[in-house]
PDB file of all heavy atoms in Angstrom:
ATOM      1  N   GLY A   1       0.786  -1.225   0.000  1.00  0.00           N
ATOM      2  CA  GLY A   1       0.000   0.000   0.000  1.00  0.00           C
ATOM      3  C   GLY A   1       0.819   1.276   0.000  1.00  0.00           C
ATOM      4  O   GLY A   1       0.258   2.374  -0.087  1.00  0.00           O
ATOM      5  N   ALA A   2       2.140   1.163   0.084  1.00  0.00           N
ATOM      6  CA  ALA A   2       2.985   2.356   0.018  1.00  0.00           C
ATOM      7  C   ALA A   2       2.906   2.963  -1.374  1.00  0.00           C
ATOM      8  O   ALA A   2       2.680   2.260  -2.362  1.00  0.00           O
ATOM      9  CB  ALA A   2       4.427   1.995   0.356  1.00  0.00           C
ATOM     10  N   ILE A   3       3.079   4.266  -1.465  1.00  0.00           N
ATOM     11  CA  ILE A   3       2.996   4.955  -2.737  1.00  0.00           C
ATOM     12  C   ILE A   3       4.316   5.676  -3.019  1.00  0.00           C
ATOM     13  O   ILE A   3       5.147   5.862  -2.135  1.00  0.00           O
ATOM     14  CB  ILE A   3       1.824   5.958  -2.770  1.00  0.00           C
ATOM     15  CG1 ILE A   3       1.997   7.018  -1.674  1.00  0.00           C
ATOM     16  CG2 ILE A   3       0.495   5.222  -2.606  1.00  0.00           C
ATOM     17  CD1 ILE A   3       0.943   8.118  -1.739  1.00  0.00           C
ATOM     18  N   TRP A   4       4.484   6.073  -4.278  1.00  0.00           N
ATOM     19  CA  TRP A   4       5.675   6.818  -4.673  1.00  0.00           C
ATOM     20  C   TRP A   4       5.627   8.202  -4.037  1.00  0.00           C
ATOM     21  O   TRP A   4       4.562   8.787  -3.973  1.00  0.00           O
ATOM     22  CB  TRP A   4       5.680   6.947  -6.211  1.00  0.00           C
ATOM     23  CG  TRP A   4       6.926   7.533  -6.782  1.00  0.00           C
ATOM     24  CD1 TRP A   4       8.056   6.856  -7.162  1.00  0.00           C
ATOM     25  CD2 TRP A   4       7.183   8.910  -7.064  1.00  0.00           C
ATOM     26  NE1 TRP A   4       8.986   7.724  -7.655  1.00  0.00           N
ATOM     27  CE2 TRP A   4       8.481   9.003  -7.607  1.00  0.00           C
ATOM     28  CE3 TRP A   4       6.442  10.087  -6.905  1.00  0.00           C
ATOM     29  CZ2 TRP A   4       9.049  10.218  -7.992  1.00  0.00           C
ATOM     30  CZ3 TRP A   4       7.001  11.299  -7.279  1.00  0.00           C
ATOM     31  CH2 TRP A   4       8.287  11.354  -7.815  1.00  0.00           C
ATOM     32  N   PRO A   5       6.732   8.757  -3.516  1.00  0.00           N
ATOM     33  CA  PRO A   5       8.097   8.221  -3.606  1.00  0.00           C
ATOM     34  C   PRO A   5       8.509   7.363  -2.415  1.00  0.00           C
ATOM     35  O   PRO A   5       9.675   7.003  -2.304  1.00  0.00           O
ATOM     36  CB  PRO A   5       8.932   9.498  -3.663  1.00  0.00           C
ATOM     37  CG  PRO A   5       8.179  10.459  -2.778  1.00  0.00           C
ATOM     38  CD  PRO A   5       6.722  10.162  -3.028  1.00  0.00           C
ATOM     39  N   GLN A   6       7.538   7.031  -1.507  1.00  0.00           N
ATOM     40  CA  GLN A   6       7.905   6.212  -0.349  1.00  0.00           C
ATOM     41  C   GLN A   6       8.465   4.846  -0.758  1.00  0.00           C
ATOM     42  O   GLN A   6       9.281   4.275  -0.036  1.00  0.00           O
ATOM     43  CB  GLN A   6       6.685   6.018   0.557  1.00  0.00           C
ATOM     44  CG  GLN A   6       6.344   7.225   1.415  1.00  0.00           C
ATOM     45  CD  GLN A   6       5.679   8.350   0.626  1.00  0.00           C
ATOM     46  OE1 GLN A   6       5.056   8.090  -0.403  1.00  0.00           O
ATOM     47  NE2 GLN A   6       5.807   9.582   1.106  1.00  0.00           N
ATOM     48  N   VAL A   7       8.008   4.324  -1.902  1.00  0.00           N
ATOM     49  CA  VAL A   7       8.506   3.010  -2.336  1.00  0.00           C
ATOM     50  C   VAL A   7       9.929   3.092  -2.869  1.00  0.00           C
ATOM     51  O   VAL A   7      10.626   2.072  -2.968  1.00  0.00           O
ATOM     52  CB  VAL A   7       7.594   2.398  -3.420  1.00  0.00           C
ATOM     53  CG1 VAL A   7       6.233   2.052  -2.851  1.00  0.00           C
ATOM     54  CG2 VAL A   7       7.468   3.323  -4.628  1.00  0.00           C
ATOM     55  N   GLY A   8      10.369   4.289  -3.266  1.00  0.00           N
ATOM     56  CA  GLY A   8      11.700   4.457  -3.826  1.00  0.00           C
ATOM     57  C   GLY A   8      11.731   4.223  -5.325  1.00  0.00           C
ATOM     58  O   GLY A   8      10.921   3.471  -5.886  1.00  0.00           O
ATOM     59  N   GLU A   9      12.668   4.892  -5.962  1.00  0.00           N
ATOM     60  CA  GLU A   9      12.886   4.739  -7.401  1.00  0.00           C
ATOM     61  C   GLU A   9      14.382   4.858  -7.672  1.00  0.00           C
ATOM     62  O   GLU A   9      15.036   5.781  -7.173  1.00  0.00           O
ATOM     63  CB  GLU A   9      12.122   5.814  -8.177  1.00  0.00           C
ATOM     64  CG  GLU A   9      12.373   5.797  -9.686  1.00  0.00           C
ATOM     65  CD  GLU A   9      11.584   6.884 -10.419  1.00  0.00           C
ATOM     66  OE1 GLU A   9      10.487   7.257  -9.934  1.00  0.00           O
ATOM     67  OE2 GLU A   9      12.081   7.373 -11.462  1.00  0.00           O
ATOM     68  N   ILE A  10      14.917   3.934  -8.451  1.00  0.00           N
ATOM     69  CA  ILE A  10      16.325   3.962  -8.842  1.00  0.00           C
ATOM     70  C   ILE A  10      16.375   4.015 -10.366  1.00  0.00           C
ATOM     71  O   ILE A  10      16.025   3.039 -11.035  1.00  0.00           O
ATOM     72  CB  ILE A  10      17.089   2.727  -8.336  1.00  0.00           C
ATOM     73  CG1 ILE A  10      16.954   2.573  -6.818  1.00  0.00           C
ATOM     74  CG2 ILE A  10      18.558   2.804  -8.741  1.00  0.00           C
ATOM     75  CD1 ILE A  10      17.507   1.255  -6.287  1.00  0.00           C
ATOM     76  N   ASP A  11      16.790   5.141 -10.897  1.00  0.00           N
ATOM     77  CA  ASP A  11      16.906   5.301 -12.349  1.00  0.00           C
ATOM     78  C   ASP A  11      18.330   4.936 -12.751  1.00  0.00           C
ATOM     79  O   ASP A  11      19.264   5.713 -12.546  1.00  0.00           O
ATOM     80  CB  ASP A  11      16.577   6.733 -12.751  1.00  0.00           C
ATOM     81  CG  ASP A  11      15.162   7.139 -12.345  1.00  0.00           C
ATOM     82  OD1 ASP A  11      14.282   6.259 -12.361  1.00  0.00           O
ATOM     83  OD2 ASP A  11      14.951   8.306 -12.011  1.00  0.00           O
ATOM     84  N   ILE A  12      18.489   3.740 -13.299  1.00  0.00           N
ATOM     85  CA  ILE A  12      19.812   3.233 -13.643  1.00  0.00           C
ATOM     86  C   ILE A  12      20.400   4.010 -14.814  1.00  0.00           C
ATOM     87  O   ILE A  12      21.581   4.354 -14.818  1.00  0.00           O
ATOM     88  CB  ILE A  12      19.721   1.735 -13.975  1.00  0.00           C
ATOM     89  CG1 ILE A  12      19.172   0.957 -12.772  1.00  0.00           C
ATOM     90  CG2 ILE A  12      21.088   1.194 -14.404  1.00  0.00           C
ATOM     91  CD1 ILE A  12      18.878  -0.494 -13.063  1.00  0.00           C
ATOM     92  N   MET A  13      19.578   4.288 -15.809  1.00  0.00           N
ATOM     93  CA  MET A  13      20.009   5.055 -16.970  1.00  0.00           C
ATOM     94  C   MET A  13      18.857   5.888 -17.489  1.00  0.00           C
ATOM     95  O   MET A  13      17.780   5.368 -17.734  1.00  0.00           O
ATOM     96  CB  MET A  13      20.502   4.124 -18.083  1.00  0.00           C
ATOM     97  CG  MET A  13      20.978   4.817 -19.357  1.00  0.00           C
ATOM     98  SD  MET A  13      19.657   5.423 -20.471  1.00  0.00           S
ATOM     99  CE  MET A  13      18.775   3.916 -20.844  1.00  0.00           C
ATOM    100  N   GLU A  14      19.090   7.167 -17.664  1.00  0.00           N
ATOM    101  CA  GLU A  14      18.175   8.041 -18.380  1.00  0.00           C
ATOM    102  C   GLU A  14      18.992   8.882 -19.350  1.00  0.00           C
ATOM    103  O   GLU A  14      20.172   9.155 -19.118  1.00  0.00           O
ATOM    104  CB  GLU A  14      17.425   8.965 -17.427  1.00  0.00           C
ATOM    105  CG  GLU A  14      16.515   8.245 -16.451  1.00  0.00           C
ATOM    106  CD  GLU A  14      15.832   9.218 -15.511  1.00  0.00           C
ATOM    107  OE1 GLU A  14      16.465   9.599 -14.507  1.00  0.00           O
ATOM    108  OE2 GLU A  14      14.681   9.594 -15.792  1.00  0.00           O
ATOM    109  N   ASN A  15      18.343   9.293 -20.438  1.00  0.00           N
ATOM    110  CA  ASN A  15      18.991  10.144 -21.428  1.00  0.00           C
ATOM    111  C   ASN A  15      17.944  11.062 -22.038  1.00  0.00           C
ATOM    112  O   ASN A  15      16.809  10.632 -22.273  1.00  0.00           O
ATOM    113  CB  ASN A  15      19.638   9.289 -22.519  1.00  0.00           C
ATOM    114  CG  ASN A  15      20.045  10.095 -23.744  1.00  0.00           C
ATOM    115  OD1 ASN A  15      19.341  10.081 -24.751  1.00  0.00           O
ATOM    116  ND2 ASN A  15      21.165  10.803 -23.664  1.00  0.00           N
ATOM    117  N   VAL A  16      18.294  12.318 -22.248  1.00  0.00           N
ATOM    118  CA  VAL A  16      17.447  13.198 -23.049  1.00  0.00           C
ATOM    119  C   VAL A  16      18.033  13.203 -24.452  1.00  0.00           C
ATOM    120  O   VAL A  16      19.244  13.359 -24.637  1.00  0.00           O
ATOM    121  CB  VAL A  16      17.344  14.610 -22.445  1.00  0.00           C
ATOM    122  CG1 VAL A  16      16.573  14.561 -21.145  1.00  0.00           C
ATOM    123  CG2 VAL A  16      18.698  15.248 -22.220  1.00  0.00           C
ATOM    124  N   GLY A  17      17.171  12.991 -25.438  1.00  0.00           N
ATOM    125  CA  GLY A  17      17.616  12.617 -26.769  1.00  0.00           C
ATOM    126  C   GLY A  17      18.457  13.624 -27.515  1.00  0.00           C
ATOM    127  O   GLY A  17      19.148  13.266 -28.475  1.00  0.00           O
ATOM    128  N   ASP A  18      18.404  14.899 -27.118  1.00  0.00           N
ATOM    129  CA  ASP A  18      19.249  15.883 -27.796  1.00  0.00           C
ATOM    130  C   ASP A  18      20.612  16.032 -27.132  1.00  0.00           C
ATOM    131  O   ASP A  18      21.364  16.948 -27.463  1.00  0.00           O
ATOM    132  CB  ASP A  18      18.541  17.237 -27.890  1.00  0.00           C
ATOM    133  CG  ASP A  18      18.102  17.785 -26.539  1.00  0.00           C
ATOM    134  OD1 ASP A  18      18.090  17.019 -25.564  1.00  0.00           O
ATOM    135  OD2 ASP A  18      17.764  18.980 -26.462  1.00  0.00           O
ATOM    136  N   GLU A  19      20.948  15.110 -26.202  1.00  0.00           N
ATOM    137  CA  GLU A  19      22.271  15.088 -25.578  1.00  0.00           C
ATOM    138  C   GLU A  19      22.856  13.683 -25.730  1.00  0.00           C
ATOM    139  O   GLU A  19      22.914  12.902 -24.778  1.00  0.00           O
ATOM    140  CB  GLU A  19      22.179  15.488 -24.107  1.00  0.00           C
ATOM    141  CG  GLU A  19      21.653  16.909 -23.896  1.00  0.00           C
ATOM    142  CD  GLU A  19      21.589  17.297 -22.425  1.00  0.00           C
ATOM    143  OE1 GLU A  19      22.126  16.551 -21.576  1.00  0.00           O
ATOM    144  OE2 GLU A  19      21.004  18.350 -22.127  1.00  0.00           O
ATOM    145  N   PRO A  20      23.290  13.322 -26.936  1.00  0.00           N
ATOM    146  CA  PRO A  20      23.649  11.927 -27.230  1.00  0.00           C
ATOM    147  C   PRO A  20      24.974  11.455 -26.649  1.00  0.00           C
ATOM    148  O   PRO A  20      25.347  10.302 -26.871  1.00  0.00           O
ATOM    149  CB  PRO A  20      23.691  11.897 -28.760  1.00  0.00           C
ATOM    150  CG  PRO A  20      24.040  13.302 -29.147  1.00  0.00           C
ATOM    151  CD  PRO A  20      23.343  14.172 -28.145  1.00  0.00           C
ATOM    152  N   THR A  21      25.671  12.295 -25.903  1.00  0.00           N
ATOM    153  CA  THR A  21      26.898  11.843 -25.247  1.00  0.00           C
ATOM    154  C   THR A  21      26.764  11.836 -23.726  1.00  0.00           C
ATOM    155  O   THR A  21      27.756  11.597 -23.029  1.00  0.00           O
ATOM    156  CB  THR A  21      28.094  12.736 -25.635  1.00  0.00           C
ATOM    157  OG1 THR A  21      27.850  14.077 -25.206  1.00  0.00           O
ATOM    158  CG2 THR A  21      28.321  12.716 -27.137  1.00  0.00           C
ATOM    159  N   THR A  22      25.564  12.096 -23.209  1.00  0.00           N
ATOM    160  CA  THR A  22      25.377  12.220 -21.760  1.00  0.00           C
ATOM    161  C   THR A  22      24.260  11.312 -21.266  1.00  0.00           C
ATOM    162  O   THR A  22      23.182  11.254 -21.860  1.00  0.00           O
ATOM    163  CB  THR A  22      25.053  13.676 -21.388  1.00  0.00           C
ATOM    164  OG1 THR A  22      26.117  14.522 -21.830  1.00  0.00           O
ATOM    165  CG2 THR A  22      24.878  13.833 -19.886  1.00  0.00           C
ATOM    166  N   ILE A  23      24.532  10.597 -20.182  1.00  0.00           N
ATOM    167  CA  ILE A  23      23.487   9.850 -19.483  1.00  0.00           C
ATOM    168  C   ILE A  23      23.494  10.294 -18.026  1.00  0.00           C
ATOM    169  O   ILE A  23      24.433  10.957 -17.579  1.00  0.00           O
ATOM    170  CB  ILE A  23      23.671   8.321 -19.606  1.00  0.00           C
ATOM    171  CG1 ILE A  23      25.038   7.867 -19.079  1.00  0.00           C
ATOM    172  CG2 ILE A  23      23.508   7.879 -21.056  1.00  0.00           C
ATOM    173  CD1 ILE A  23      25.026   7.377 -17.674  1.00  0.00           C
ATOM    174  N   PHE A  24      22.449   9.930 -17.294  1.00  0.00           N
ATOM    175  CA  PHE A  24      22.444  10.252 -15.878  1.00  0.00           C
ATOM    176  C   PHE A  24      21.767   9.149 -15.075  1.00  0.00           C
ATOM    177  O   PHE A  24      20.910   8.422 -15.582  1.00  0.00           O
ATOM    178  CB  PHE A  24      21.827  11.623 -15.584  1.00  0.00           C
ATOM    179  CG  PHE A  24      20.500  11.907 -16.207  1.00  0.00           C
ATOM    180  CD1 PHE A  24      19.337  11.793 -15.471  1.00  0.00           C
ATOM    181  CD2 PHE A  24      20.395  12.316 -17.532  1.00  0.00           C
ATOM    182  CE1 PHE A  24      18.100  12.083 -16.023  1.00  0.00           C
ATOM    183  CE2 PHE A  24      19.165  12.601 -18.098  1.00  0.00           C
ATOM    184  CZ  PHE A  24      18.012  12.487 -17.345  1.00  0.00           C
ATOM    185  N   GLY A  25      22.232   9.018 -13.831  1.00  0.00           N
ATOM    186  CA  GLY A  25      21.670   8.068 -12.884  1.00  0.00           C
ATOM    187  C   GLY A  25      21.091   8.830 -11.713  1.00  0.00           C
ATOM    188  O   GLY A  25      21.684   9.789 -11.222  1.00  0.00           O
ATOM    189  N   THR A  26      19.914   8.388 -11.235  1.00  0.00           N
ATOM    190  CA  THR A  26      19.139   9.186 -10.289  1.00  0.00           C
ATOM    191  C   THR A  26      18.498   8.296  -9.233  1.00  0.00           C
ATOM    192  O   THR A  26      18.189   7.129  -9.497  1.00  0.00           O
ATOM    193  CB  THR A  26      18.038   9.963 -11.049  1.00  0.00           C
ATOM    194  OG1 THR A  26      18.637  10.712 -12.102  1.00  0.00           O
ATOM    195  CG2 THR A  26      17.277  10.908 -10.138  1.00  0.00           C
ATOM    196  N   ALA A  27      18.268   8.858  -8.052  1.00  0.00           N
ATOM    197  CA  ALA A  27      17.512   8.194  -6.998  1.00  0.00           C
ATOM    198  C   ALA A  27      16.396   9.122  -6.525  1.00  0.00           C
ATOM    199  O   ALA A  27      16.602  10.337  -6.416  1.00  0.00           O
ATOM    200  CB  ALA A  27      18.405   7.817  -5.830  1.00  0.00           C
ATOM    201  N   HIS A  28      15.218   8.541  -6.274  1.00  0.00           N
ATOM    202  CA  HIS A  28      14.067   9.278  -5.742  1.00  0.00           C
ATOM    203  C   HIS A  28      13.587   8.589  -4.475  1.00  0.00           C
ATOM    204  O   HIS A  28      13.532   7.361  -4.403  1.00  0.00           O
ATOM    205  CB  HIS A  28      12.888   9.282  -6.728  1.00  0.00           C
ATOM    206  CG  HIS A  28      13.185   9.853  -8.074  1.00  0.00           C
ATOM    207  ND1 HIS A  28      12.731  11.087  -8.475  1.00  0.00           N
ATOM    208  CD2 HIS A  28      13.870   9.340  -9.133  1.00  0.00           C
ATOM    209  CE1 HIS A  28      13.119  11.314  -9.715  1.00  0.00           C
ATOM    210  NE2 HIS A  28      13.810  10.259 -10.139  1.00  0.00           N
ATOM    211  N   GLY A  29      13.199   9.391  -3.495  1.00  0.00           N
ATOM    212  CA  GLY A  29      12.619   8.874  -2.273  1.00  0.00           C
ATOM    213  C   GLY A  29      11.960  10.009  -1.517  1.00  0.00           C
ATOM    214  O   GLY A  29      11.935  11.153  -1.994  1.00  0.00           O
ATOM    215  N   PRO A  30      11.424   9.749  -0.345  1.00  0.00           N
ATOM    216  CA  PRO A  30      10.796  10.817   0.436  1.00  0.00           C
ATOM    217  C   PRO A  30      11.786  11.938   0.733  1.00  0.00           C
ATOM    218  O   PRO A  30      12.870  11.708   1.266  1.00  0.00           O
ATOM    219  CB  PRO A  30      10.374  10.092   1.721  1.00  0.00           C
ATOM    220  CG  PRO A  30      10.269   8.651   1.347  1.00  0.00           C
ATOM    221  CD  PRO A  30      11.329   8.428   0.325  1.00  0.00           C
ATOM    222  N   GLY A  31      11.434  13.143   0.327  1.00  0.00           N
ATOM    223  CA  GLY A  31      12.301  14.292   0.532  1.00  0.00           C
ATOM    224  C   GLY A  31      13.276  14.554  -0.590  1.00  0.00           C
ATOM    225  O   GLY A  31      14.015  15.543  -0.557  1.00  0.00           O
ATOM    226  N   PHE A  32      13.281  13.683  -1.620  1.00  0.00           N
ATOM    227  CA  PHE A  32      14.163  13.918  -2.778  1.00  0.00           C
ATOM    228  C   PHE A  32      13.570  13.233  -4.018  1.00  0.00           C
ATOM    229  O   PHE A  32      14.098  12.273  -4.541  1.00  0.00           O
ATOM    230  CB  PHE A  32      15.601  13.455  -2.514  1.00  0.00           C
ATOM    231  CG  PHE A  32      15.753  11.997  -2.147  1.00  0.00           C
ATOM    232  CD1 PHE A  32      16.277  11.081  -3.053  1.00  0.00           C
ATOM    233  CD2 PHE A  32      15.398  11.537  -0.891  1.00  0.00           C
ATOM    234  CE1 PHE A  32      16.440   9.743  -2.714  1.00  0.00           C
ATOM    235  CE2 PHE A  32      15.557  10.206  -0.536  1.00  0.00           C
ATOM    236  CZ  PHE A  32      16.079   9.306  -1.456  1.00  0.00           C
ATOM    237  N   SER A  33      12.453  13.748  -4.476  1.00  0.00           N
ATOM    238  CA  SER A  33      11.763  13.157  -5.614  1.00  0.00           C
ATOM    239  C   SER A  33      11.488  14.210  -6.680  1.00  0.00           C
ATOM    240  O   SER A  33      11.547  15.411  -6.436  1.00  0.00           O
ATOM    241  CB  SER A  33      10.446  12.516  -5.178  1.00  0.00           C
ATOM    242  OG  SER A  33       9.571  13.486  -4.621  1.00  0.00           O
ATOM    243  N   GLY A  34      11.178  13.713  -7.904  1.00  0.00           N
ATOM    244  CA  GLY A  34      10.886  14.629  -9.001  1.00  0.00           C
ATOM    245  C   GLY A  34      12.071  15.533  -9.289  1.00  0.00           C
ATOM    246  O   GLY A  34      13.221  15.082  -9.369  1.00  0.00           O
ATOM    247  N   ALA A  35      11.799  16.823  -9.425  1.00  0.00           N
ATOM    248  CA  ALA A  35      12.854  17.786  -9.726  1.00  0.00           C
ATOM    249  C   ALA A  35      13.869  17.909  -8.605  1.00  0.00           C
ATOM    250  O   ALA A  35      14.969  18.430  -8.807  1.00  0.00           O
ATOM    251  CB  ALA A  35      12.238  19.152 -10.028  1.00  0.00           C
TER     252      ALA A  35
END
């Protein structure tokens, strides 16, 4: 029954398509989610 971001999120790889040489890794949780 937990909801985001309490469940946690681990973004192993993300890329924005107009930056083809850059990737980023991210973590989301309570107090550090979204932007």
